[in-house]
């Protein structure tokens, strides 16, 4: 006798879901600047040499964070709808992973969008 298997349909792709962070809810998008995806977190931890040490230069209530890279002094403008601007303070040391658009503030990982 074989047990019947539940055939679950695949969940809809969450990346295409409308983002709730603009309405004050939990972020439902994994696009740059929104929620951190498990794969993104694993990729940044698997590539430790690509982290860039930086100092927070400015934060804005809109979610913008400006960094100064310590190695070359480059100014990096980022945006996060998931709260990185609220967690970071000017003068605070942070780590930025440009390849996988991640920002570590106080040990917490944020998905960030590079601003032009």
N, C-alpha and C. Protein backbone atom coordinates (compact mmCIF):
# COMPACT_ATOMS: atom_id res chain seq x y z
N UNK A 1 0.85 -1.16 0.00
CA UNK A 1 0.00 0.00 0.00
C UNK A 1 0.90 1.23 0.00
N UNK A 2 0.66 2.11 -0.90
CA UNK A 2 1.46 3.33 -0.95
C UNK A 2 0.66 4.49 -0.38
N UNK A 3 1.38 5.35 0.31
CA UNK A 3 0.72 6.53 0.90
C UNK A 3 0.48 7.56 -0.18
N UNK A 4 -0.64 8.21 -0.08
CA UNK A 4 -0.90 9.26 -1.07
C UNK A 4 -0.05 10.48 -0.75
N UNK A 5 0.44 11.12 -1.75
CA UNK A 5 1.27 12.31 -1.58
C UNK A 5 0.45 13.54 -1.90
N UNK A 6 0.62 14.51 -1.08
CA UNK A 6 -0.03 15.79 -1.38
C UNK A 6 0.75 16.47 -2.49
N UNK A 7 0.08 16.85 -3.50
CA UNK A 7 0.71 17.57 -4.60
C UNK A 7 0.43 19.04 -4.43
N UNK A 8 1.39 19.73 -3.86
CA UNK A 8 1.22 21.15 -3.64
C UNK A 8 1.66 21.92 -4.87
N UNK A 9 0.91 22.92 -5.17
CA UNK A 9 1.30 23.75 -6.30
C UNK A 9 2.41 24.69 -5.86
N UNK A 10 3.31 25.08 -6.76
CA UNK A 10 4.38 25.99 -6.38
C UNK A 10 3.82 27.33 -5.92
N UNK A 11 4.43 27.86 -4.91
CA UNK A 11 4.02 29.18 -4.43
C UNK A 11 4.35 30.22 -5.48
N UNK A 12 3.58 31.27 -5.57
CA UNK A 12 3.90 32.33 -6.54
C UNK A 12 5.25 32.95 -6.20
N UNK A 13 5.90 33.43 -7.19
CA UNK A 13 7.22 34.04 -7.00
C UNK A 13 7.04 35.29 -6.16
N UNK A 14 7.71 35.32 -4.98
CA UNK A 14 7.53 36.44 -4.07
C UNK A 14 8.16 37.72 -4.60
N UNK A 15 9.14 37.60 -5.47
CA UNK A 15 9.80 38.80 -5.98
C UNK A 15 8.84 39.66 -6.78
N UNK A 16 7.81 39.06 -7.33
CA UNK A 16 6.85 39.81 -8.13
C UNK A 16 5.69 40.36 -7.30
N UNK A 17 5.69 40.06 -6.01
CA UNK A 17 4.60 40.54 -5.16
C UNK A 17 4.77 42.04 -4.92
N UNK A 18 3.66 42.74 -4.78
CA UNK A 18 3.78 44.17 -4.48
C UNK A 18 4.38 44.36 -3.10
N UNK A 19 5.24 45.34 -2.95
CA UNK A 19 5.93 45.57 -1.69
C UNK A 19 5.00 46.24 -0.69
N UNK A 20 4.97 45.70 0.50
CA UNK A 20 4.12 46.24 1.55
C UNK A 20 4.86 47.26 2.41
N UNK A 21 6.20 47.38 2.27
CA UNK A 21 6.94 48.28 3.15
C UNK A 21 6.56 49.74 2.91
N UNK A 22 6.07 50.07 1.74
CA UNK A 22 5.63 51.44 1.46
C UNK A 22 4.37 51.78 2.26
N UNK A 23 3.66 50.74 2.69
CA UNK A 23 2.45 50.95 3.47
C UNK A 23 2.66 50.68 4.96
N UNK A 24 3.92 50.46 5.35
CA UNK A 24 4.23 50.22 6.76
C UNK A 24 4.16 48.77 7.17
N UNK A 25 3.93 47.87 6.23
CA UNK A 25 3.86 46.45 6.55
C UNK A 25 5.19 45.76 6.32
N UNK A 26 5.20 44.46 6.53
CA UNK A 26 6.41 43.68 6.28
C UNK A 26 6.70 43.68 4.78
N UNK A 27 7.96 43.78 4.44
CA UNK A 27 8.34 43.85 3.04
C UNK A 27 8.10 42.50 2.37
N UNK A 28 7.46 42.50 1.23
CA UNK A 28 7.11 41.27 0.53
C UNK A 28 7.84 41.14 -0.79
N UNK A 29 8.88 41.95 -1.01
CA UNK A 29 9.65 41.90 -2.24
C UNK A 29 11.11 41.65 -1.92
N UNK A 30 11.80 40.92 -2.78
CA UNK A 30 13.23 40.67 -2.61
C UNK A 30 14.06 41.51 -3.59
N UNK A 31 13.43 42.46 -4.23
CA UNK A 31 14.15 43.36 -5.14
C UNK A 31 15.16 44.17 -4.34
N UNK A 32 16.21 44.69 -4.99
CA UNK A 32 17.19 45.50 -4.25
C UNK A 32 16.51 46.62 -3.46
N UNK A 33 16.89 46.73 -2.19
CA UNK A 33 16.33 47.74 -1.32
C UNK A 33 15.19 47.23 -0.45
N UNK A 34 14.82 45.98 -0.62
CA UNK A 34 13.68 45.44 0.13
C UNK A 34 14.13 44.31 1.05
N UNK A 35 13.39 43.24 1.14
CA UNK A 35 13.71 42.16 2.07
C UNK A 35 14.94 41.37 1.62
N UNK A 36 15.66 40.83 2.59
CA UNK A 36 16.84 39.99 2.31
C UNK A 36 16.35 38.58 2.01
N UNK A 37 16.79 38.05 0.90
CA UNK A 37 16.46 36.68 0.51
C UNK A 37 17.48 35.73 1.13
N UNK A 38 17.07 34.52 1.46
CA UNK A 38 17.97 33.53 2.04
C UNK A 38 19.18 33.29 1.15
N UNK A 39 18.98 33.22 -0.14
CA UNK A 39 20.10 32.99 -1.06
C UNK A 39 21.06 34.17 -1.03
N UNK A 40 20.53 35.39 -0.96
CA UNK A 40 21.38 36.58 -0.88
C UNK A 40 22.23 36.52 0.39
N UNK A 41 21.63 36.17 1.50
CA UNK A 41 22.37 36.07 2.77
C UNK A 41 23.47 35.01 2.67
N UNK A 42 23.19 33.91 2.03
CA UNK A 42 24.21 32.86 1.87
C UNK A 42 25.33 33.31 0.93
N UNK A 43 24.99 34.02 -0.12
CA UNK A 43 26.02 34.49 -1.05
C UNK A 43 26.97 35.49 -0.41
N UNK A 44 26.44 36.42 0.39
CA UNK A 44 27.33 37.39 1.02
C UNK A 44 28.22 36.73 2.07
N UNK A 45 27.70 35.70 2.74
CA UNK A 45 28.54 35.02 3.72
C UNK A 45 29.58 34.12 3.04
N UNK A 46 29.31 33.71 1.81
CA UNK A 46 30.26 32.86 1.07
C UNK A 46 31.34 33.67 0.35
N UNK A 47 31.20 34.99 0.31
CA UNK A 47 32.18 35.85 -0.37
C UNK A 47 32.67 36.95 0.58
N UNK A 48 33.33 36.58 1.68
CA UNK A 48 33.72 37.57 2.68
C UNK A 48 34.75 38.58 2.20
N UNK A 49 35.54 38.24 1.20
CA UNK A 49 36.58 39.16 0.71
C UNK A 49 35.98 40.34 -0.05
N UNK A 50 34.71 40.27 -0.42
CA UNK A 50 34.09 41.33 -1.21
C UNK A 50 33.41 42.41 -0.36
N UNK A 51 33.42 42.26 0.96
CA UNK A 51 32.84 43.29 1.82
C UNK A 51 33.71 44.53 1.79
N UNK A 52 33.10 45.69 1.83
CA UNK A 52 33.80 46.97 1.85
C UNK A 52 33.48 47.65 3.18
N UNK A 53 34.53 47.97 3.94
CA UNK A 53 34.33 48.69 5.20
C UNK A 53 34.03 50.15 4.89
N UNK A 54 33.07 50.70 5.60
CA UNK A 54 32.65 52.08 5.34
C UNK A 54 32.16 52.74 6.62
N UNK A 55 32.02 54.05 6.55
CA UNK A 55 31.48 54.85 7.64
C UNK A 55 30.20 55.52 7.11
N UNK A 56 29.16 55.51 7.92
CA UNK A 56 27.91 56.17 7.54
C UNK A 56 28.14 57.68 7.58
N UNK A 57 27.90 58.34 6.45
CA UNK A 57 28.06 59.79 6.37
C UNK A 57 26.75 60.50 6.68
N UNK A 58 25.64 59.94 6.20
CA UNK A 58 24.34 60.57 6.40
C UNK A 58 23.23 59.54 6.23
N UNK A 59 22.12 59.80 6.91
CA UNK A 59 20.91 58.99 6.74
C UNK A 59 19.74 59.93 6.52
N UNK A 60 18.74 59.43 5.84
CA UNK A 60 17.56 60.25 5.53
C UNK A 60 16.32 59.44 5.88
N UNK A 61 15.28 60.09 6.39
CA UNK A 61 14.05 59.37 6.73
C UNK A 61 13.41 58.64 5.55
N UNK A 62 13.75 59.03 4.33
CA UNK A 62 13.21 58.36 3.14
C UNK A 62 13.79 56.97 2.94
N UNK A 63 14.85 56.63 3.71
CA UNK A 63 15.50 55.32 3.56
C UNK A 63 16.87 55.41 2.93
N UNK A 64 17.31 56.61 2.55
CA UNK A 64 18.62 56.78 1.92
C UNK A 64 19.72 56.75 2.97
N UNK A 65 20.83 56.10 2.61
CA UNK A 65 22.02 56.03 3.45
C UNK A 65 23.22 56.38 2.58
N UNK A 66 24.06 57.31 3.05
CA UNK A 66 25.28 57.67 2.33
C UNK A 66 26.47 57.14 3.12
N UNK A 67 27.36 56.44 2.41
CA UNK A 67 28.55 55.85 3.02
C UNK A 67 29.81 56.44 2.43
N UNK A 68 30.89 56.42 3.21
CA UNK A 68 32.23 56.73 2.72
C UNK A 68 33.05 55.46 2.90
N UNK A 69 33.51 54.87 1.79
CA UNK A 69 34.34 53.67 1.86
C UNK A 69 35.68 54.02 2.48
N UNK A 70 36.16 53.18 3.38
CA UNK A 70 37.41 53.46 4.07
C UNK A 70 38.64 53.27 3.18
N UNK A 71 38.59 52.29 2.30
CA UNK A 71 39.77 51.97 1.49
C UNK A 71 40.10 53.05 0.47
N UNK A 72 39.09 53.51 -0.27
CA UNK A 72 39.38 54.46 -1.35
C UNK A 72 38.63 55.78 -1.22
N UNK A 73 37.82 55.95 -0.17
CA UNK A 73 37.10 57.19 0.05
C UNK A 73 35.89 57.39 -0.84
N UNK A 74 35.53 56.38 -1.61
CA UNK A 74 34.38 56.48 -2.51
C UNK A 74 33.11 56.76 -1.72
N UNK A 75 32.26 57.61 -2.27
CA UNK A 75 30.96 57.89 -1.67
C UNK A 75 29.94 56.96 -2.32
N UNK A 76 29.17 56.27 -1.48
CA UNK A 76 28.18 55.32 -1.96
C UNK A 76 26.82 55.74 -1.41
N UNK A 77 25.87 55.93 -2.31
CA UNK A 77 24.50 56.28 -1.92
C UNK A 77 23.62 55.05 -2.10
N UNK A 78 22.91 54.69 -1.03
CA UNK A 78 22.09 53.50 -1.02
C UNK A 78 20.68 53.84 -0.56
N UNK A 79 19.74 52.93 -0.82
CA UNK A 79 18.39 53.06 -0.31
C UNK A 79 17.92 51.71 0.19
N UNK A 80 17.21 51.74 1.31
CA UNK A 80 16.63 50.52 1.85
C UNK A 80 15.24 50.84 2.40
N UNK A 81 14.27 50.10 1.95
CA UNK A 81 12.92 50.25 2.48
C UNK A 81 12.70 49.38 3.70
N UNK A 82 13.71 48.60 4.08
CA UNK A 82 13.57 47.67 5.19
C UNK A 82 14.13 48.20 6.51
N UNK A 83 14.56 49.46 6.54
CA UNK A 83 14.95 50.04 7.82
C UNK A 83 16.42 50.28 8.06
N UNK A 84 17.27 50.18 7.06
CA UNK A 84 18.70 50.42 7.26
C UNK A 84 18.96 51.85 7.71
N UNK A 85 18.22 52.80 7.18
CA UNK A 85 18.42 54.21 7.56
C UNK A 85 18.05 54.45 9.01
N UNK A 86 17.09 53.73 9.53
CA UNK A 86 16.72 53.88 10.93
C UNK A 86 17.75 53.21 11.85
N UNK A 87 18.38 52.14 11.37
CA UNK A 87 19.35 51.40 12.18
C UNK A 87 20.73 52.05 12.19
N UNK A 88 21.08 52.76 11.12
CA UNK A 88 22.41 53.36 11.00
C UNK A 88 22.43 54.78 11.54
N UNK A 89 23.57 55.17 12.06
CA UNK A 89 23.77 56.53 12.56
C UNK A 89 25.00 57.12 11.92
N UNK A 90 25.01 58.42 11.62
CA UNK A 90 26.21 59.05 11.05
C UNK A 90 27.42 58.80 11.95
N UNK A 91 28.52 58.41 11.30
CA UNK A 91 29.76 58.10 12.02
C UNK A 91 29.91 56.65 12.39
N UNK A 92 28.88 55.85 12.19
CA UNK A 92 28.90 54.43 12.55
C UNK A 92 29.63 53.61 11.49
N UNK A 93 30.48 52.67 11.91
CA UNK A 93 31.11 51.77 10.93
C UNK A 93 30.12 50.71 10.46
N UNK A 94 30.14 50.44 9.16
CA UNK A 94 29.27 49.44 8.55
C UNK A 94 30.08 48.66 7.52
N UNK A 95 29.49 47.62 6.98
CA UNK A 95 30.10 46.85 5.90
C UNK A 95 29.11 46.79 4.74
N UNK A 96 29.64 47.00 3.54
CA UNK A 96 28.81 47.03 2.33
C UNK A 96 29.32 45.98 1.36
N UNK A 97 28.40 45.20 0.80
CA UNK A 97 28.75 44.16 -0.18
C UNK A 97 28.15 44.58 -1.53
N UNK A 98 28.94 45.26 -2.38
CA UNK A 98 28.39 45.79 -3.63
C UNK A 98 27.89 44.73 -4.61
N UNK A 99 28.54 43.59 -4.66
CA UNK A 99 28.15 42.57 -5.64
C UNK A 99 26.73 42.05 -5.38
N UNK A 100 26.40 41.83 -4.12
CA UNK A 100 25.10 41.27 -3.77
C UNK A 100 24.20 42.28 -3.05
N UNK A 101 24.48 43.55 -3.24
CA UNK A 101 23.71 44.69 -2.72
C UNK A 101 23.20 44.45 -1.30
N UNK A 102 24.19 44.32 -0.38
CA UNK A 102 23.87 44.09 1.02
C UNK A 102 24.63 45.08 1.90
N UNK A 103 24.01 45.45 3.00
CA UNK A 103 24.62 46.35 3.97
C UNK A 103 24.45 45.72 5.34
N UNK A 104 25.56 45.63 6.08
CA UNK A 104 25.52 45.11 7.43
C UNK A 104 25.67 46.27 8.40
N UNK A 105 24.65 46.47 9.23
CA UNK A 105 24.63 47.54 10.22
C UNK A 105 24.45 46.89 11.58
N UNK A 106 25.46 46.99 12.43
CA UNK A 106 25.35 46.41 13.77
C UNK A 106 25.07 44.92 13.76
N UNK A 107 25.58 44.22 12.76
CA UNK A 107 25.38 42.78 12.66
C UNK A 107 24.09 42.36 11.98
N UNK A 108 23.25 43.30 11.61
CA UNK A 108 22.00 42.98 10.90
C UNK A 108 22.19 43.25 9.41
N UNK A 109 21.71 42.34 8.59
CA UNK A 109 21.87 42.43 7.14
C UNK A 109 20.66 43.10 6.49
N UNK A 110 20.93 44.05 5.60
CA UNK A 110 19.88 44.75 4.85
C UNK A 110 20.15 44.61 3.36
N UNK A 111 19.10 44.45 2.60
CA UNK A 111 19.16 44.46 1.14
C UNK A 111 19.08 45.92 0.73
N UNK A 112 20.02 46.39 -0.09
CA UNK A 112 20.05 47.82 -0.45
C UNK A 112 20.08 48.01 -1.96
N UNK A 113 19.60 49.17 -2.37
CA UNK A 113 19.61 49.57 -3.77
C UNK A 113 20.66 50.67 -3.95
N UNK A 114 21.56 50.50 -4.92
CA UNK A 114 22.54 51.55 -5.23
C UNK A 114 21.84 52.68 -5.94
N UNK A 115 21.97 53.87 -5.40
CA UNK A 115 21.38 55.04 -6.03
C UNK A 115 22.39 55.69 -6.97
N UNK A 116 21.93 56.23 -8.09
CA UNK A 116 22.86 56.87 -9.04
C UNK A 116 23.41 58.17 -8.50
